[in-house]
Every structure is written in structure tokens, then in C-alpha cells.
PDB file of all heavy atoms in Angstrom:
ATOM      1  N   ILE A   1      -5.136  -0.589 -23.732  1.00  0.00           N
ATOM      2  CA  ILE A   1      -6.180  -0.772 -24.635  1.00  0.00           C
ATOM      3  C   ILE A   1      -6.167   0.364 -25.746  1.00  0.00           C
ATOM      4  O   ILE A   1      -6.218   0.116 -26.980  1.00  0.00           O
ATOM      5  CB  ILE A   1      -7.475  -0.548 -23.933  1.00  0.00           C
ATOM      6  CG1 ILE A   1      -7.720  -1.765 -22.956  1.00  0.00           C
ATOM      7  CG2 ILE A   1      -8.660  -0.659 -24.960  1.00  0.00           C
ATOM      8  CD1 ILE A   1      -8.805  -1.623 -21.998  1.00  0.00           C
ATOM      9  N   GLU A   2      -5.803   1.585 -25.302  1.00  0.00           N
ATOM     10  CA  GLU A   2      -5.714   2.677 -26.259  1.00  0.00           C
ATOM     11  C   GLU A   2      -4.364   3.324 -25.938  1.00  0.00           C
ATOM     12  O   GLU A   2      -4.158   3.891 -24.780  1.00  0.00           O
ATOM     13  CB  GLU A   2      -6.832   3.737 -26.009  1.00  0.00           C
ATOM     14  CG  GLU A   2      -6.673   4.878 -26.990  1.00  0.00           C
ATOM     15  CD  GLU A   2      -7.912   5.812 -26.621  1.00  0.00           C
ATOM     16  OE1 GLU A   2      -8.793   5.552 -25.788  1.00  0.00           O
ATOM     17  OE2 GLU A   2      -8.082   6.823 -27.439  1.00  0.00           O
ATOM     18  N   PRO A   3      -3.397   3.312 -26.825  1.00  0.00           N
ATOM     19  CA  PRO A   3      -2.116   3.960 -26.527  1.00  0.00           C
ATOM     20  C   PRO A   3      -2.167   5.384 -26.094  1.00  0.00           C
ATOM     21  O   PRO A   3      -2.912   6.169 -26.612  1.00  0.00           O
ATOM     22  CB  PRO A   3      -1.329   3.813 -27.812  1.00  0.00           C
ATOM     23  CG  PRO A   3      -2.011   2.665 -28.552  1.00  0.00           C
ATOM     24  CD  PRO A   3      -3.456   2.754 -28.235  1.00  0.00           C
ATOM     25  N   GLY A   4      -1.477   5.774 -24.978  1.00  0.00           N
ATOM     26  CA  GLY A   4      -1.553   7.161 -24.453  1.00  0.00           C
ATOM     27  C   GLY A   4      -2.633   7.479 -23.485  1.00  0.00           C
ATOM     28  O   GLY A   4      -2.762   8.479 -23.057  1.00  0.00           O
ATOM     29  N   LYS A   5      -3.402   6.411 -23.145  1.00  0.00           N
ATOM     30  CA  LYS A   5      -4.529   6.624 -22.159  1.00  0.00           C
ATOM     31  C   LYS A   5      -4.646   5.422 -21.278  1.00  0.00           C
ATOM     32  O   LYS A   5      -4.310   4.202 -21.738  1.00  0.00           O
ATOM     33  CB  LYS A   5      -5.857   6.762 -22.854  1.00  0.00           C
ATOM     34  CG  LYS A   5      -5.935   8.233 -23.480  1.00  0.00           C
ATOM     35  CD  LYS A   5      -7.414   8.416 -24.028  1.00  0.00           C
ATOM     36  CE  LYS A   5      -7.558   9.888 -24.545  1.00  0.00           C
ATOM     37  NZ  LYS A   5      -9.006  10.079 -25.109  1.00  0.00           N
ATOM     38  N   LEU A   6      -5.040   5.638 -19.987  1.00  0.00           N
ATOM     39  CA  LEU A   6      -5.312   4.602 -19.118  1.00  0.00           C
ATOM     40  C   LEU A   6      -6.660   4.499 -18.800  1.00  0.00           C
ATOM     41  O   LEU A   6      -7.367   5.391 -18.277  1.00  0.00           O
ATOM     42  CB  LEU A   6      -4.424   4.862 -17.752  1.00  0.00           C
ATOM     43  CG  LEU A   6      -3.057   4.612 -17.736  1.00  0.00           C
ATOM     44  CD1 LEU A   6      -2.365   5.174 -16.569  1.00  0.00           C
ATOM     45  CD2 LEU A   6      -2.739   3.143 -17.764  1.00  0.00           C
ATOM     46  N   HIS A   7      -7.261   3.346 -19.334  1.00  0.00           N
ATOM     47  CA  HIS A   7      -8.827   3.183 -19.092  1.00  0.00           C
ATOM     48  C   HIS A   7      -8.872   2.406 -17.731  1.00  0.00           C
ATOM     49  O   HIS A   7      -8.409   1.292 -17.493  1.00  0.00           O
ATOM     50  CB  HIS A   7      -9.404   2.469 -20.226  1.00  0.00           C
ATOM     51  CG  HIS A   7      -9.566   3.292 -21.428  1.00  0.00           C
ATOM     52  ND1 HIS A   7     -10.680   4.074 -21.714  1.00  0.00           N
ATOM     53  CD2 HIS A   7      -8.687   3.538 -22.495  1.00  0.00           C
ATOM     54  CE1 HIS A   7     -10.557   4.646 -22.802  1.00  0.00           C
ATOM     55  NE2 HIS A   7      -9.344   4.271 -23.336  1.00  0.00           N
ATOM     56  N   VAL A   8      -9.619   2.992 -16.780  1.00  0.00           N
ATOM     57  CA  VAL A   8      -9.662   2.578 -15.358  1.00  0.00           C
ATOM     58  C   VAL A   8     -11.159   2.290 -15.063  1.00  0.00           C
ATOM     59  O   VAL A   8     -12.047   3.113 -15.321  1.00  0.00           O
ATOM     60  CB  VAL A   8      -9.134   3.589 -14.400  1.00  0.00           C
ATOM     61  CG1 VAL A   8      -9.306   3.204 -12.967  1.00  0.00           C
ATOM     62  CG2 VAL A   8      -7.529   3.800 -14.825  1.00  0.00           C
ATOM     63  N   GLY A   9     -11.375   1.251 -14.395  1.00  0.00           N
ATOM     64  CA  GLY A   9     -12.637   0.809 -13.806  1.00  0.00           C
ATOM     65  C   GLY A   9     -12.695   0.964 -12.329  1.00  0.00           C
ATOM     66  O   GLY A   9     -11.702   0.422 -11.677  1.00  0.00           O
ATOM     67  N   THR A  10     -13.842   1.507 -11.702  1.00  0.00           N
ATOM     68  CA  THR A  10     -13.907   1.436 -10.280  1.00  0.00           C
ATOM     69  C   THR A  10     -15.348   1.495  -9.919  1.00  0.00           C
ATOM     70  O   THR A  10     -16.299   1.327 -10.804  1.00  0.00           O
ATOM     71  CB  THR A  10     -13.086   2.727  -9.634  1.00  0.00           C
ATOM     72  OG1 THR A  10     -13.185   2.598  -8.179  1.00  0.00           O
ATOM     73  CG2 THR A  10     -13.760   3.953 -10.055  1.00  0.00           C
ATOM     74  N   ILE A  11     -15.616   1.752  -8.571  1.00  0.00           N
ATOM     75  CA  ILE A  11     -17.067   1.916  -8.133  1.00  0.00           C
ATOM     76  C   ILE A  11     -17.414   3.287  -7.828  1.00  0.00           C
ATOM     77  O   ILE A  11     -16.472   4.061  -7.519  1.00  0.00           O
ATOM     78  CB  ILE A  11     -17.407   0.910  -7.069  1.00  0.00           C
ATOM     79  CG1 ILE A  11     -16.532   1.204  -5.750  1.00  0.00           C
ATOM     80  CG2 ILE A  11     -17.339  -0.522  -7.456  1.00  0.00           C
ATOM     81  CD1 ILE A  11     -16.892   0.351  -4.623  1.00  0.00           C
ATOM     82  N   SER A  12     -18.667   3.589  -7.715  1.00  0.00           N
ATOM     83  CA  SER A  12     -18.993   4.958  -7.516  1.00  0.00           C
ATOM     84  C   SER A  12     -19.350   5.371  -6.138  1.00  0.00           C
ATOM     85  O   SER A  12     -19.699   6.560  -5.741  1.00  0.00           O
ATOM     86  CB  SER A  12     -20.216   5.480  -8.490  1.00  0.00           C
ATOM     87  OG  SER A  12     -21.300   4.606  -8.226  1.00  0.00           O
ATOM     88  N   ASP A  13     -19.584   4.263  -5.197  1.00  0.00           N
ATOM     89  CA  ASP A  13     -20.010   4.540  -3.889  1.00  0.00           C
ATOM     90  C   ASP A  13     -18.980   3.926  -2.858  1.00  0.00           C
ATOM     91  O   ASP A  13     -19.495   3.573  -1.767  1.00  0.00           O
ATOM     92  CB  ASP A  13     -21.414   3.973  -3.612  1.00  0.00           C
ATOM     93  CG  ASP A  13     -21.457   2.485  -3.875  1.00  0.00           C
ATOM     94  OD1 ASP A  13     -20.468   1.883  -4.358  1.00  0.00           O
ATOM     95  OD2 ASP A  13     -22.518   1.846  -3.380  1.00  0.00           O
ATOM     96  N   GLY A  14     -17.744   3.877  -3.188  1.00  0.00           N
ATOM     97  CA  GLY A  14     -16.765   3.266  -2.252  1.00  0.00           C
ATOM     98  C   GLY A  14     -16.062   4.201  -1.379  1.00  0.00           C
ATOM     99  O   GLY A  14     -14.854   4.130  -1.267  1.00  0.00           O
ATOM    100  N   ARG A  15     -16.799   5.260  -0.705  1.00  0.00           N
ATOM    101  CA  ARG A  15     -16.148   6.167   0.120  1.00  0.00           C
ATOM    102  C   ARG A  15     -15.267   5.340   1.289  1.00  0.00           C
ATOM    103  O   ARG A  15     -15.803   4.276   1.847  1.00  0.00           O
ATOM    104  CB  ARG A  15     -17.059   7.006   0.977  1.00  0.00           C
ATOM    105  CG  ARG A  15     -17.773   7.943   0.009  1.00  0.00           C
ATOM    106  CD  ARG A  15     -18.915   8.776   0.783  1.00  0.00           C
ATOM    107  NE  ARG A  15     -19.502   9.615  -0.103  1.00  0.00           N
ATOM    108  CZ  ARG A  15     -19.194  10.855  -0.262  1.00  0.00           C
ATOM    109  NH1 ARG A  15     -18.224  11.407   0.360  1.00  0.00           N
ATOM    110  NH2 ARG A  15     -19.908  11.749  -0.988  1.00  0.00           N
ATOM    111  N   PRO A  16     -14.119   5.773   1.660  1.00  0.00           N
ATOM    112  CA  PRO A  16     -13.388   6.958   1.122  1.00  0.00           C
ATOM    113  C   PRO A  16     -12.355   6.665   0.035  1.00  0.00           C
ATOM    114  O   PRO A  16     -11.587   7.438  -0.344  1.00  0.00           O
ATOM    115  CB  PRO A  16     -12.650   7.382   2.344  1.00  0.00           C
ATOM    116  CG  PRO A  16     -12.245   6.026   3.017  1.00  0.00           C
ATOM    117  CD  PRO A  16     -13.442   5.220   2.764  1.00  0.00           C
ATOM    118  N   TYR A  17     -12.541   5.408  -0.641  1.00  0.00           N
ATOM    119  CA  TYR A  17     -11.537   5.049  -1.557  1.00  0.00           C
ATOM    120  C   TYR A  17     -11.779   5.609  -2.962  1.00  0.00           C
ATOM    121  O   TYR A  17     -10.952   6.170  -3.549  1.00  0.00           O
ATOM    122  CB  TYR A  17     -11.563   3.519  -1.661  1.00  0.00           C
ATOM    123  CG  TYR A  17     -11.272   2.854  -0.272  1.00  0.00           C
ATOM    124  CD1 TYR A  17     -12.341   2.069   0.319  1.00  0.00           C
ATOM    125  CD2 TYR A  17     -10.133   2.957   0.380  1.00  0.00           C
ATOM    126  CE1 TYR A  17     -12.072   1.475   1.462  1.00  0.00           C
ATOM    127  CE2 TYR A  17      -9.915   2.442   1.645  1.00  0.00           C
ATOM    128  CZ  TYR A  17     -10.888   1.624   2.156  1.00  0.00           C
ATOM    129  OH  TYR A  17     -10.673   1.027   3.395  1.00  0.00           O
ATOM    130  N   SER A  18     -12.968   5.398  -3.412  1.00  0.00           N
ATOM    131  CA  SER A  18     -13.438   5.867  -4.764  1.00  0.00           C
ATOM    132  C   SER A  18     -14.887   6.037  -4.820  1.00  0.00           C
ATOM    133  O   SER A  18     -15.678   5.123  -4.456  1.00  0.00           O
ATOM    134  CB  SER A  18     -13.087   4.742  -5.780  1.00  0.00           C
ATOM    135  OG  SER A  18     -13.511   5.143  -7.069  1.00  0.00           O
ATOM    136  N   PHE A  19     -15.312   7.235  -5.234  1.00  0.00           N
ATOM    137  CA  PHE A  19     -16.825   7.610  -5.151  1.00  0.00           C
ATOM    138  C   PHE A  19     -17.016   8.881  -6.045  1.00  0.00           C
ATOM    139  O   PHE A  19     -16.121   9.516  -6.416  1.00  0.00           O
ATOM    140  CB  PHE A  19     -17.284   7.900  -3.849  1.00  0.00           C
ATOM    141  CG  PHE A  19     -16.606   9.087  -3.086  1.00  0.00           C
ATOM    142  CD1 PHE A  19     -17.168  10.359  -3.118  1.00  0.00           C
ATOM    143  CD2 PHE A  19     -15.405   8.905  -2.407  1.00  0.00           C
ATOM    144  CE1 PHE A  19     -16.620  11.509  -2.482  1.00  0.00           C
ATOM    145  CE2 PHE A  19     -14.787  10.058  -1.834  1.00  0.00           C
ATOM    146  CZ  PHE A  19     -15.322  11.238  -1.731  1.00  0.00           C
ATOM    147  N   VAL A  20     -18.257   9.082  -6.370  1.00  0.00           N
ATOM    148  CA  VAL A  20     -18.654  10.198  -7.129  1.00  0.00           C
ATOM    149  C   VAL A  20     -19.107  11.167  -6.157  1.00  0.00           C
ATOM    150  O   VAL A  20     -20.088  11.105  -5.375  1.00  0.00           O
ATOM    151  CB  VAL A  20     -19.748   9.934  -8.137  1.00  0.00           C
ATOM    152  CG1 VAL A  20     -20.236  11.142  -8.889  1.00  0.00           C
ATOM    153  CG2 VAL A  20     -19.087   8.892  -9.262  1.00  0.00           C
ATOM    154  N   ASP A  21     -18.601  12.461  -6.191  1.00  0.00           N
ATOM    155  CA  ASP A  21     -18.847  13.541  -5.168  1.00  0.00           C
ATOM    156  C   ASP A  21     -20.079  14.253  -5.641  1.00  0.00           C
ATOM    157  O   ASP A  21     -20.835  13.991  -6.649  1.00  0.00           O
ATOM    158  CB  ASP A  21     -17.657  14.442  -4.857  1.00  0.00           C
ATOM    159  CG  ASP A  21     -17.248  15.172  -6.272  1.00  0.00           C
ATOM    160  OD1 ASP A  21     -18.015  15.313  -7.133  1.00  0.00           O
ATOM    161  OD2 ASP A  21     -16.136  15.780  -6.141  1.00  0.00           O
ATOM    162  N   GLY A  22     -20.508  15.260  -4.954  1.00  0.00           N
ATOM    163  CA  GLY A  22     -21.576  16.136  -5.140  1.00  0.00           C
ATOM    164  C   GLY A  22     -21.610  16.836  -6.528  1.00  0.00           C
ATOM    165  O   GLY A  22     -22.561  17.245  -7.098  1.00  0.00           O
ATOM    166  N   ASP A  23     -20.438  17.073  -7.086  1.00  0.00           N
ATOM    167  CA  ASP A  23     -20.302  17.719  -8.342  1.00  0.00           C
ATOM    168  C   ASP A  23     -20.140  16.777  -9.538  1.00  0.00           C
ATOM    169  O   ASP A  23     -19.960  17.099 -10.601  1.00  0.00           O
ATOM    170  CB  ASP A  23     -19.003  18.547  -8.402  1.00  0.00           C
ATOM    171  CG  ASP A  23     -19.033  19.644  -7.429  1.00  0.00           C
ATOM    172  OD1 ASP A  23     -20.076  20.255  -7.233  1.00  0.00           O
ATOM    173  OD2 ASP A  23     -18.072  20.001  -6.703  1.00  0.00           O
ATOM    174  N   GLY A  24     -20.443  15.420  -9.238  1.00  0.00           N
ATOM    175  CA  GLY A  24     -20.447  14.306 -10.183  1.00  0.00           C
ATOM    176  C   GLY A  24     -19.075  13.976 -10.868  1.00  0.00           C
ATOM    177  O   GLY A  24     -18.834  13.362 -11.757  1.00  0.00           O
ATOM    178  N   LYS A  25     -18.033  14.306  -9.890  1.00  0.00           N
ATOM    179  CA  LYS A  25     -16.671  13.920 -10.189  1.00  0.00           C
ATOM    180  C   LYS A  25     -16.076  12.829  -9.255  1.00  0.00           C
ATOM    181  O   LYS A  25     -16.659  12.692  -8.112  1.00  0.00           O
ATOM    182  CB  LYS A  25     -15.701  15.160  -9.997  1.00  0.00           C
ATOM    183  CG  LYS A  25     -16.100  16.287 -10.924  1.00  0.00           C
ATOM    184  CD  LYS A  25     -15.142  17.468 -10.702  1.00  0.00           C
ATOM    185  CE  LYS A  25     -15.472  18.686 -11.701  1.00  0.00           C
ATOM    186  NZ  LYS A  25     -14.579  19.823 -11.463  1.00  0.00           N
ATOM    187  N   PHE A  26     -15.224  11.997  -9.832  1.00  0.00           N
ATOM    188  CA  PHE A  26     -14.649  10.936  -8.974  1.00  0.00           C
ATOM    189  C   PHE A  26     -13.656  11.459  -7.956  1.00  0.00           C
ATOM    190  O   PHE A  26     -12.978  12.483  -8.280  1.00  0.00           O
ATOM    191  CB  PHE A  26     -13.951   9.915  -9.877  1.00  0.00           C
ATOM    192  CG  PHE A  26     -14.720   8.974 -10.608  1.00  0.00           C
ATOM    193  CD1 PHE A  26     -15.130   9.186 -11.979  1.00  0.00           C
ATOM    194  CD2 PHE A  26     -15.236   7.881  -9.909  1.00  0.00           C
ATOM    195  CE1 PHE A  26     -16.001   8.233 -12.553  1.00  0.00           C
ATOM    196  CE2 PHE A  26     -16.021   6.954 -10.574  1.00  0.00           C
ATOM    197  CZ  PHE A  26     -16.425   7.166 -11.811  1.00  0.00           C
ATOM    198  N   ALA A  27     -13.715  11.028  -6.722  1.00  0.00           N
ATOM    199  CA  ALA A  27     -12.888  11.489  -5.573  1.00  0.00           C
ATOM    200  C   ALA A  27     -12.527  10.250  -4.846  1.00  0.00           C
ATOM    201  O   ALA A  27     -13.136   9.112  -4.929  1.00  0.00           O
ATOM    202  CB  ALA A  27     -13.622  12.569  -4.841  1.00  0.00           C
ATOM    203  N   GLY A  28     -11.621  10.555  -3.884  1.00  0.00           N
ATOM    204  CA  GLY A  28     -11.183   9.454  -2.888  1.00  0.00           C
ATOM    205  C   GLY A  28      -9.837   9.122  -2.862  1.00  0.00           C
ATOM    206  O   GLY A  28      -9.081   9.616  -3.741  1.00  0.00           O
ATOM    207  N   PHE A  29      -9.421   8.324  -1.951  1.00  0.00           N
ATOM    208  CA  PHE A  29      -8.013   8.087  -1.751  1.00  0.00           C
ATOM    209  C   PHE A  29      -7.469   7.295  -3.052  1.00  0.00           C
ATOM    210  O   PHE A  29      -6.367   7.703  -3.463  1.00  0.00           O
ATOM    211  CB  PHE A  29      -7.824   7.092  -0.586  1.00  0.00           C
ATOM    212  CG  PHE A  29      -6.556   6.424  -0.511  1.00  0.00           C
ATOM    213  CD1 PHE A  29      -5.366   7.188   0.098  1.00  0.00           C
ATOM    214  CD2 PHE A  29      -6.382   5.057  -0.819  1.00  0.00           C
ATOM    215  CE1 PHE A  29      -4.170   6.556   0.063  1.00  0.00           C
ATOM    216  CE2 PHE A  29      -4.998   4.519  -0.877  1.00  0.00           C
ATOM    217  CZ  PHE A  29      -3.987   5.279  -0.287  1.00  0.00           C
ATOM    218  N   GLU A  30      -8.112   6.359  -3.550  1.00  0.00           N
ATOM    219  CA  GLU A  30      -7.639   5.598  -4.583  1.00  0.00           C
ATOM    220  C   GLU A  30      -7.633   6.481  -5.943  1.00  0.00           C
ATOM    221  O   GLU A  30      -6.700   6.271  -6.767  1.00  0.00           O
ATOM    222  CB  GLU A  30      -8.563   4.283  -4.863  1.00  0.00           C
ATOM    223  CG  GLU A  30      -8.307   3.314  -3.833  1.00  0.00           C
ATOM    224  CD  GLU A  30      -9.146   2.075  -4.107  1.00  0.00           C
ATOM    225  OE1 GLU A  30     -10.352   2.127  -4.038  1.00  0.00           O
ATOM    226  OE2 GLU A  30      -8.564   0.967  -4.255  1.00  0.00           O
ATOM    227  N   ILE A  31      -8.604   7.299  -6.078  1.00  0.00           N
ATOM    228  CA  ILE A  31      -8.541   8.166  -7.268  1.00  0.00           C
ATOM    229  C   ILE A  31      -7.284   9.095  -7.332  1.00  0.00           C
ATOM    230  O   ILE A  31      -6.553   9.187  -8.201  1.00  0.00           O
ATOM    231  CB  ILE A  31      -9.760   9.045  -7.301  1.00  0.00           C
ATOM    232  CG1 ILE A  31     -10.989   8.101  -7.469  1.00  0.00           C
ATOM    233  CG2 ILE A  31      -9.743  10.138  -8.346  1.00  0.00           C
ATOM    234  CD1 ILE A  31     -11.102   7.468  -8.821  1.00  0.00           C
ATOM    235  N   ASP A  32      -7.053   9.822  -6.119  1.00  0.00           N
ATOM    236  CA  ASP A  32      -5.874  10.695  -6.024  1.00  0.00           C
ATOM    237  C   ASP A  32      -4.624   9.913  -6.022  1.00  0.00           C
ATOM    238  O   ASP A  32      -3.666  10.310  -6.565  1.00  0.00           O
ATOM    239  CB  ASP A  32      -5.871  11.376  -4.628  1.00  0.00           C
ATOM    240  CG  ASP A  32      -7.022  12.484  -4.599  1.00  0.00           C
ATOM    241  OD1 ASP A  32      -7.642  12.819  -5.672  1.00  0.00           O
ATOM    242  OD2 ASP A  32      -7.285  13.115  -3.569  1.00  0.00           O
ATOM    243  N   TYR A  33      -4.588   8.631  -5.446  1.00  0.00           N
ATOM    244  CA  TYR A  33      -3.379   7.904  -5.382  1.00  0.00           C
ATOM    245  C   TYR A  33      -3.068   7.380  -6.806  1.00  0.00           C
ATOM    246  O   TYR A  33      -1.862   7.409  -7.240  1.00  0.00           O
ATOM    247  CB  TYR A  33      -3.443   6.772  -4.394  1.00  0.00           C
ATOM    248  CG  TYR A  33      -2.147   5.995  -4.256  1.00  0.00           C
ATOM    249  CD1 TYR A  33      -1.028   6.654  -3.935  1.00  0.00           C
ATOM    250  CD2 TYR A  33      -2.140   4.629  -4.461  1.00  0.00           C
ATOM    251  CE1 TYR A  33       0.198   6.001  -3.772  1.00  0.00           C
ATOM    252  CE2 TYR A  33      -0.923   3.964  -4.212  1.00  0.00           C
ATOM    253  CZ  TYR A  33       0.252   4.630  -3.865  1.00  0.00           C
ATOM    254  OH  TYR A  33       1.388   3.913  -3.652  1.00  0.00           O
ATOM    255  N   PHE A  34      -4.026   6.905  -7.500  1.00  0.00           N
ATOM    256  CA  PHE A  34      -3.761   6.386  -8.892  1.00  0.00           C
ATOM    257  C   PHE A  34      -3.275   7.534  -9.815  1.00  0.00           C
ATOM    258  O   PHE A  34      -2.524   7.339 -10.698  1.00  0.00           O
ATOM    259  CB  PHE A  34      -5.080   5.669  -9.391  1.00  0.00           C
ATOM    260  CG  PHE A  34      -4.675   4.927 -10.659  1.00  0.00           C
ATOM    261  CD1 PHE A  34      -4.029   3.716 -10.722  1.00  0.00           C
ATOM    262  CD2 PHE A  34      -5.088   5.563 -11.970  1.00  0.00           C
ATOM    263  CE1 PHE A  34      -3.746   3.037 -11.978  1.00  0.00           C
ATOM    264  CE2 PHE A  34      -4.657   5.003 -13.119  1.00  0.00           C
ATOM    265  CZ  PHE A  34      -4.061   3.655 -13.198  1.00  0.00           C
ATOM    266  N   ASN A  35      -3.944   8.678  -9.609  1.00  0.00           N
ATOM    267  CA  ASN A  35      -3.478   9.931 -10.495  1.00  0.00           C
ATOM    268  C   ASN A  35      -2.005  10.222 -10.280  1.00  0.00           C
ATOM    269  O   ASN A  35      -1.240  10.528 -11.208  1.00  0.00           O
ATOM    270  CB  ASN A  35      -4.291  11.116 -10.246  1.00  0.00           C
ATOM    271  CG  ASN A  35      -5.632  11.025 -10.895  1.00  0.00           C
ATOM    272  OD1 ASN A  35      -5.853  10.345 -11.858  1.00  0.00           O
ATOM    273  ND2 ASN A  35      -6.697  11.677 -10.332  1.00  0.00           N
ATOM    274  N   ASP A  36      -1.587  10.098  -9.085  1.00  0.00           N
ATOM    275  CA  ASP A  36      -0.106  10.278  -8.784  1.00  0.00           C
ATOM    276  C   ASP A  36       0.706   9.274  -9.438  1.00  0.00           C
ATOM    277  O   ASP A  36       1.712   9.512  -9.938  1.00  0.00           O
ATOM    278  CB  ASP A  36       0.124  10.141  -7.207  1.00  0.00           C
ATOM    279  CG  ASP A  36       1.597  10.232  -6.862  1.00  0.00           C
ATOM    280  OD1 ASP A  36       2.202  11.401  -6.962  1.00  0.00           O
ATOM    281  OD2 ASP A  36       2.215   9.257  -6.448  1.00  0.00           O
TER     282      ASP A  36
END
């Protein structure tokens, strides 16, 4: 959609896959795995 960036959609309450932690940041298996 935007060259040089990956725009990704997910859910915020999908522990342990994808969720927003206490600091308001995305965390979880899928977040770490996709970043890799």
C-alpha cells in the first residue's frame, strides 16, 4: 500500500498471539514472529 512500509492489521486481545500490553504496545507470538 505504501512502498517501504508494511501495514498490518490484527486484534488487541488475542493473547498469547497478538495483544496490547500494559504499556499500550503490541506484543505476542504473532507480533514477534511477524517482525522476524
